[in-house]
Amino acid sequence: MRDYGKVAPQFWTGQTGKALKAGGPEAVVVALYLMTSPHANMIGFYYLPKLYLAHETGLGMEGASKGLARAIEAGFCTYDEASEYVLVHAMARFQIGTGLKADDKRCKGVQNELDKCPDGALKARFASIYAADYHLTPVKYEAPSKALGSQEQEQEQEQEQEQEQEQELEPAIAGLSPAAPDDDSSATDDSGEQPDGRPPCPHVRIIALYHEVLPELRQVREWNETRRRLLQRRWAEQAERQEIDWWREFFGYVRRSRFLMGQTTGRDGRPFDCDLEWLIRPTNFAKVVEGKYEDAAA
């Protein structure tokens, strides 16, 4: 059992904290418990049956399950029902710090804790978030094998899933008022397709990738026409950006900036509050890719 757990004051005022409060008191209690649980470790990736959560918070199974579900919706954590392991996304950052040197003994400690955890999606996600910060051994993860079927059936299933995600994430474009004019207003034709035959921008996949790599930043709740046009324009500007792996690297680059991740304070004494719309606006995007927000060399 750890002697103590750190809870930053910004827990109450940050975007994730606000989302937790909006989820109700059960979500706040669960979040505080996950950071200070007697079963927790410093990396925030540990074994936690819901029975422990229900008993030790006093919420009961119904309240604990509700609070955990709301905490997941707020982007605070992820829970794997099969292994009964929880991953608190930003816990390692607050308990340990980020940007450690390779010879820092804490890196070995993080690796040792990670090695104790079961292989799977949560382990791969932790590694994708913190690999650079703690110089972690690469984690390979293969999704569970699908039942055998034709390629056509698999493609149809993927298309149906993407359509369902689009419907959940975006309002009907036809019902939106025209986007406010900006330098991105001519990114696509009225249908939203590229006029020169280039592949259309996979908005849902890029947003999902943003949530995966940068769970601490403000979550996307609405994808309106203005935001759609901004992302479409950034996608279309260069051929290399028309690959999903480029965006994974881009978000990983953002993650390595203490300023963009809200880990430093500005002139007003508050941390910078970054989100996807800010990142894809033309001036901001150019500054990011040109290295303006890179941390100074130690």
Protein backbone atom coordinates (compact mmCIF):
# COMPACT_ATOMS: atom_id res chain seq x y z
CA MET A 1 0.00 0.00 0.00
CA ARG A 2 1.29 3.47 -0.87
CA ASP A 3 1.83 5.96 1.93
CA TYR A 4 0.08 8.74 0.04
CA GLY A 5 -1.36 9.80 -3.32
CA LYS A 6 -1.18 13.23 -4.90
CA VAL A 7 -4.37 15.08 -5.86
CA ALA A 8 -3.68 18.37 -7.64
CA PRO A 9 -5.92 21.38 -6.85
CA GLN A 10 -6.72 21.65 -10.56
CA PHE A 11 -8.71 18.43 -10.13
CA TRP A 12 -11.59 20.70 -9.14
CA THR A 13 -11.15 23.36 -11.83
CA GLY A 14 -9.69 21.53 -14.87
CA GLN A 15 -11.78 20.36 -17.79
CA THR A 16 -11.79 16.73 -16.68
CA GLY A 17 -12.74 17.78 -13.15
CA LYS A 18 -15.63 19.82 -14.49
CA ALA A 19 -16.77 16.85 -16.59
CA LEU A 20 -16.63 14.62 -13.51
CA LYS A 21 -18.73 17.07 -11.49
CA ALA A 22 -21.22 17.18 -14.32
CA GLY A 23 -21.45 13.40 -14.04
CA GLY A 24 -22.67 13.63 -10.46
CA PRO A 25 -21.25 13.09 -6.96
CA GLU A 26 -20.66 9.38 -7.59
CA ALA A 27 -18.22 10.22 -10.41
CA VAL A 28 -16.26 12.61 -8.16
CA VAL A 29 -16.05 10.07 -5.34
CA VAL A 30 -14.91 7.33 -7.72
CA ALA A 31 -12.28 9.58 -9.29
CA LEU A 32 -10.84 10.58 -5.90
CA TYR A 33 -10.87 6.95 -4.82
CA LEU A 34 -9.04 5.79 -7.94
CA MET A 35 -6.21 8.26 -7.23
CA THR A 36 -5.94 7.40 -3.53
CA SER A 37 -7.05 3.77 -3.44
CA PRO A 38 -5.06 1.42 -1.18
CA HIS A 39 -4.79 -0.90 -4.19
CA ALA A 40 -3.40 1.76 -6.54
CA ASN A 41 0.17 2.11 -7.73
CA MET A 42 2.09 5.14 -8.91
CA ILE A 43 1.32 4.56 -12.59
CA GLY A 44 -2.46 4.42 -12.14
CA PHE A 45 -2.81 1.03 -13.86
CA TYR A 46 -3.83 -1.62 -11.36
CA TYR A 47 -6.17 -4.47 -10.40
CA LEU A 48 -9.47 -3.23 -9.02
CA PRO A 49 -12.56 -5.46 -8.86
CA LYS A 50 -15.74 -3.41 -8.70
CA LEU A 51 -16.52 -5.09 -5.39
CA TYR A 52 -13.53 -3.29 -3.82
CA LEU A 53 -14.71 -0.01 -5.32
CA ALA A 54 -18.26 -0.46 -4.07
CA HIS A 55 -17.26 -1.45 -0.53
CA GLU A 56 -14.43 1.00 0.11
CA THR A 57 -16.23 4.07 -1.27
CA GLY A 58 -19.47 3.18 0.50
CA LEU A 59 -21.37 3.72 -2.75
CA GLY A 60 -22.62 0.17 -3.12
CA MET A 61 -22.50 -1.69 -6.43
CA GLU A 62 -25.09 0.51 -8.12
CA GLY A 63 -23.49 3.79 -7.11
CA ALA A 64 -19.96 2.56 -7.80
CA SER A 65 -20.90 1.28 -11.25
CA LYS A 66 -22.64 4.56 -12.06
CA GLY A 67 -19.70 6.64 -10.85
CA LEU A 68 -17.19 4.52 -12.77
CA ALA A 69 -19.24 4.79 -15.95
CA ARG A 70 -19.41 8.60 -15.60
CA ALA A 71 -15.66 8.79 -14.91
CA ILE A 72 -15.01 6.83 -18.09
CA GLU A 73 -17.32 9.12 -20.07
CA ALA A 74 -15.39 12.14 -18.72
CA GLY A 75 -12.16 10.68 -20.11
CA PHE A 76 -10.70 10.22 -16.61
CA CYS A 77 -10.09 6.48 -16.80
CA THR A 78 -10.67 3.24 -18.70
CA TYR A 79 -11.82 -0.05 -17.17
CA ASP A 80 -11.37 -3.55 -18.56
CA GLU A 81 -14.18 -5.82 -17.41
CA ALA A 82 -12.35 -9.04 -18.35
CA SER A 83 -9.16 -8.44 -16.37
CA GLU A 84 -10.75 -6.07 -13.80
CA TYR A 85 -7.89 -3.63 -14.26
CA VAL A 86 -8.35 0.14 -14.31
CA LEU A 87 -6.18 2.72 -16.07
CA VAL A 88 -6.35 6.28 -14.72
CA HIS A 89 -5.10 8.19 -17.74
CA ALA A 90 -3.21 11.10 -16.18
CA MET A 91 -2.27 9.53 -12.85
CA ALA A 92 1.34 8.73 -13.75
CA ARG A 93 1.84 12.30 -14.94
CA PHE A 94 0.72 13.73 -11.61
CA GLN A 95 2.25 11.08 -9.33
CA ILE A 96 5.63 10.79 -11.09
CA GLY A 97 6.02 13.61 -13.61
CA THR A 98 6.91 13.48 -17.29
CA GLY A 99 9.93 13.93 -19.50
CA LEU A 100 12.25 11.84 -17.30
CA LYS A 101 15.80 11.11 -18.45
CA ALA A 102 16.59 7.54 -19.43
CA ASP A 103 18.85 6.97 -16.43
CA ASP A 104 16.24 8.17 -13.92
CA LYS A 105 15.51 5.31 -11.53
CA ARG A 106 11.82 6.12 -11.68
CA CYS A 107 11.74 4.91 -15.29
CA LYS A 108 12.76 1.44 -14.15
CA GLY A 109 10.10 1.60 -11.45
CA VAL A 110 7.42 2.46 -14.01
CA GLN A 111 8.59 -0.36 -16.29
CA ASN A 112 8.49 -2.84 -13.39
CA GLU A 113 4.92 -1.85 -12.51
CA LEU A 114 3.86 -2.05 -16.15
CA ASP A 115 5.42 -5.51 -16.54
CA LYS A 116 3.16 -6.78 -13.71
CA CYS A 117 0.03 -5.76 -15.62
CA PRO A 118 -1.69 -8.12 -18.07
CA ASP A 119 -1.12 -7.70 -21.78
CA GLY A 120 -3.97 -6.11 -23.68
CA ALA A 121 -5.47 -2.85 -24.85
CA LEU A 122 -4.97 -1.02 -21.53
CA LYS A 123 -1.28 -1.90 -21.40
CA ALA A 124 -0.81 -0.79 -24.99
CA ARG A 125 -2.66 2.44 -24.28
CA PHE A 126 -0.50 3.24 -21.25
CA ALA A 127 2.62 2.62 -23.33
CA SER A 128 1.34 4.81 -26.16
CA ILE A 129 0.78 7.69 -23.71
CA TYR A 130 3.97 7.42 -21.66
CA ALA A 131 6.55 5.60 -23.81
CA ALA A 132 8.60 8.74 -24.44
CA ASP A 133 8.26 10.09 -20.90
CA TYR A 134 9.55 6.91 -19.21
CA HIS A 135 11.57 5.28 -22.02
CA LEU A 136 9.37 2.19 -21.92
CA THR A 137 9.99 -1.08 -23.69
CA PRO A 138 7.65 -1.19 -26.72
CA VAL A 139 4.36 -2.95 -26.01
CA LYS A 140 2.89 -5.06 -28.77
CA TYR A 141 -0.83 -5.56 -28.76
CA GLU A 142 -2.94 -7.60 -31.12
CA ALA A 143 -6.69 -7.21 -31.02
CA PRO A 144 -8.66 -10.41 -30.36
CA SER A 145 -8.99 -12.45 -33.54
CA LYS A 146 -12.27 -12.08 -35.40
CA ALA A 147 -14.45 -14.94 -36.47
CA LEU A 148 -13.56 -16.04 -39.97
CA GLY A 149 -15.48 -14.23 -42.67
CA SER A 150 -15.11 -12.73 -46.10
CA GLN A 151 -13.29 -9.42 -46.63
CA GLU A 152 -16.52 -7.95 -47.97
CA GLN A 153 -18.33 -8.77 -44.72
CA GLU A 154 -15.54 -7.23 -42.64
CA GLN A 155 -15.54 -4.08 -44.76
CA GLU A 156 -19.31 -3.77 -44.44
CA GLN A 157 -19.06 -4.10 -40.66
CA GLU A 158 -16.34 -1.41 -40.49
CA GLN A 159 -18.41 0.93 -42.66
CA GLU A 160 -21.47 0.40 -40.46
CA GLN A 161 -19.42 1.12 -37.32
CA GLU A 162 -17.99 4.32 -38.81
CA GLN A 163 -21.48 5.45 -39.85
CA GLU A 164 -22.77 4.82 -36.31
CA GLN A 165 -19.85 6.79 -34.85
CA GLU A 166 -20.51 9.67 -37.26
CA GLN A 167 -24.16 9.78 -36.22
CA GLU A 168 -23.25 9.82 -32.53
CA LEU A 169 -20.50 12.42 -32.87
CA GLU A 170 -21.79 14.89 -35.41
CA PRO A 171 -25.04 16.83 -35.76
CA ALA A 172 -26.78 16.63 -39.10
CA ILE A 173 -24.84 18.96 -41.38
CA ALA A 174 -28.01 19.92 -43.20
CA GLY A 175 -29.40 21.43 -40.03
CA LEU A 176 -26.43 23.65 -39.34
CA SER A 177 -26.20 27.30 -40.13
CA PRO A 178 -23.44 28.27 -42.60
CA ALA A 179 -19.95 28.29 -41.09
CA ALA A 180 -18.49 31.62 -40.12
CA PRO A 181 -16.19 32.81 -42.91
CA ASP A 182 -12.50 32.19 -42.33
CA ASP A 183 -9.51 31.24 -44.42
CA ASP A 184 -10.68 27.62 -44.35
CA SER A 185 -14.12 28.19 -45.81
CA SER A 186 -13.09 27.00 -49.26
CA ALA A 187 -11.58 23.72 -48.07
CA THR A 188 -14.25 21.55 -49.72
CA ASP A 189 -17.18 21.87 -52.05
CA ASP A 190 -20.75 21.99 -50.74
CA SER A 191 -20.91 18.19 -50.48
CA GLY A 192 -17.89 18.06 -48.18
CA GLU A 193 -15.84 16.08 -50.70
CA GLN A 194 -12.46 17.09 -52.06
CA PRO A 195 -13.00 18.81 -55.43
CA ASP A 196 -9.77 17.42 -56.93
CA GLY A 197 -10.42 13.76 -56.16
CA ARG A 198 -8.25 13.48 -53.05
CA PRO A 199 -9.54 11.12 -50.33
CA PRO A 200 -12.11 12.67 -47.96
CA CYS A 201 -10.93 13.42 -44.45
CA PRO A 202 -11.73 10.61 -41.92
CA HIS A 203 -13.01 12.96 -39.23
CA VAL A 204 -14.23 10.28 -36.80
CA ARG A 205 -10.96 8.32 -36.91
CA ILE A 206 -8.86 11.43 -36.29
CA ILE A 207 -11.08 12.54 -33.40
CA ALA A 208 -10.90 9.05 -31.88
CA LEU A 209 -7.11 9.15 -32.24
CA TYR A 210 -7.00 12.56 -30.54
CA HIS A 211 -8.97 11.12 -27.60
CA GLU A 212 -6.70 8.06 -27.47
CA VAL A 213 -3.34 9.87 -27.51
CA LEU A 214 -4.37 13.01 -25.62
CA PRO A 215 -7.04 11.92 -23.11
CA GLU A 216 -6.11 14.73 -20.69
CA LEU A 217 -7.05 17.47 -23.15
CA ARG A 218 -10.59 18.76 -23.67
CA GLN A 219 -12.80 16.05 -25.17
CA VAL A 220 -14.67 16.66 -28.43
CA ARG A 221 -18.40 16.76 -27.67
CA GLU A 222 -19.67 18.45 -30.85
CA TRP A 223 -18.31 18.42 -34.39
CA ASN A 224 -19.88 21.34 -36.21
CA GLU A 225 -19.37 22.57 -39.75
CA THR A 226 -16.63 25.05 -38.86
CA ARG A 227 -14.56 22.39 -37.12
CA ARG A 228 -15.18 19.95 -39.95
CA ARG A 229 -13.86 22.47 -42.49
CA LEU A 230 -10.78 23.25 -40.39
CA LEU A 231 -9.77 19.60 -40.14
CA GLN A 232 -10.61 18.97 -43.81
CA ARG A 233 -8.29 21.82 -44.83
CA ARG A 234 -5.37 20.63 -42.68
CA TRP A 235 -5.84 17.11 -44.09
CA ALA A 236 -5.87 18.37 -47.68
CA GLU A 237 -2.89 20.74 -47.52
CA GLN A 238 -0.21 18.06 -47.87
CA ALA A 239 -0.27 14.48 -49.14
CA GLU A 240 1.60 13.18 -46.09
CA ARG A 241 -1.23 14.39 -43.85
CA GLN A 242 -3.65 12.13 -45.71
CA GLU A 243 -2.36 9.16 -43.71
CA ILE A 244 -3.79 8.38 -40.28
CA ASP A 245 -0.30 7.56 -38.97
CA TRP A 246 0.75 11.17 -39.61
CA TRP A 247 -1.94 12.34 -37.21
CA ARG A 248 -0.88 9.79 -34.60
CA GLU A 249 2.65 11.24 -34.78
CA PHE A 250 1.27 14.79 -34.69
CA PHE A 251 -0.74 14.14 -31.52
CA GLY A 252 2.26 12.34 -30.02
CA TYR A 253 4.34 15.45 -30.76
CA VAL A 254 1.72 17.61 -29.01
CA ARG A 255 1.92 15.26 -26.03
CA ARG A 256 5.64 15.95 -25.65
CA SER A 257 5.04 19.69 -25.18
CA ARG A 258 4.59 20.60 -21.53
CA PHE A 259 2.94 23.89 -22.55
CA LEU A 260 0.35 22.31 -24.83
CA MET A 261 -0.39 19.64 -22.21
CA GLY A 262 -1.14 22.31 -19.60
CA GLN A 263 1.86 21.36 -17.45
CA THR A 264 3.24 24.90 -17.29
CA THR A 265 1.60 28.19 -16.42
CA GLY A 266 1.28 31.26 -18.61
CA ARG A 267 1.63 34.91 -17.73
CA ASP A 268 -1.76 34.84 -16.04
CA GLY A 269 -0.60 32.03 -13.74
CA ARG A 270 -2.94 29.46 -15.27
CA PRO A 271 -2.09 26.40 -17.40
CA PHE A 272 -2.85 26.57 -21.12
CA ASP A 273 -6.16 24.90 -22.06
CA CYS A 274 -5.61 23.20 -25.42
CA ASP A 275 -8.18 21.35 -27.52
CA LEU A 276 -8.52 19.86 -31.00
CA GLU A 277 -10.11 22.94 -32.56
CA TRP A 278 -7.23 25.12 -31.31
CA LEU A 279 -4.68 22.67 -32.74
CA ILE A 280 -6.18 22.63 -36.23
CA ARG A 281 -6.68 26.36 -36.65
CA PRO A 282 -4.21 27.48 -39.35
CA THR A 283 -1.97 29.81 -37.34
CA ASN A 284 -1.81 27.52 -34.32
CA PHE A 285 -1.27 24.43 -36.45
CA ALA A 286 1.65 26.06 -38.26
CA LYS A 287 3.30 27.06 -34.98
CA VAL A 288 2.96 23.53 -33.61
CA VAL A 289 4.45 21.78 -36.65
CA GLU A 290 7.23 24.39 -36.83
CA GLY A 291 8.28 23.53 -33.27
CA LYS A 292 7.30 26.75 -31.50
CA TYR A 293 6.02 24.84 -28.48
CA GLU A 294 8.86 22.34 -28.13
CA ASP A 295 10.32 22.13 -24.64
CA ALA A 296 13.74 23.71 -24.29
CA ALA A 297 16.61 21.25 -24.23
CA ALA A 298 17.76 20.37 -20.72
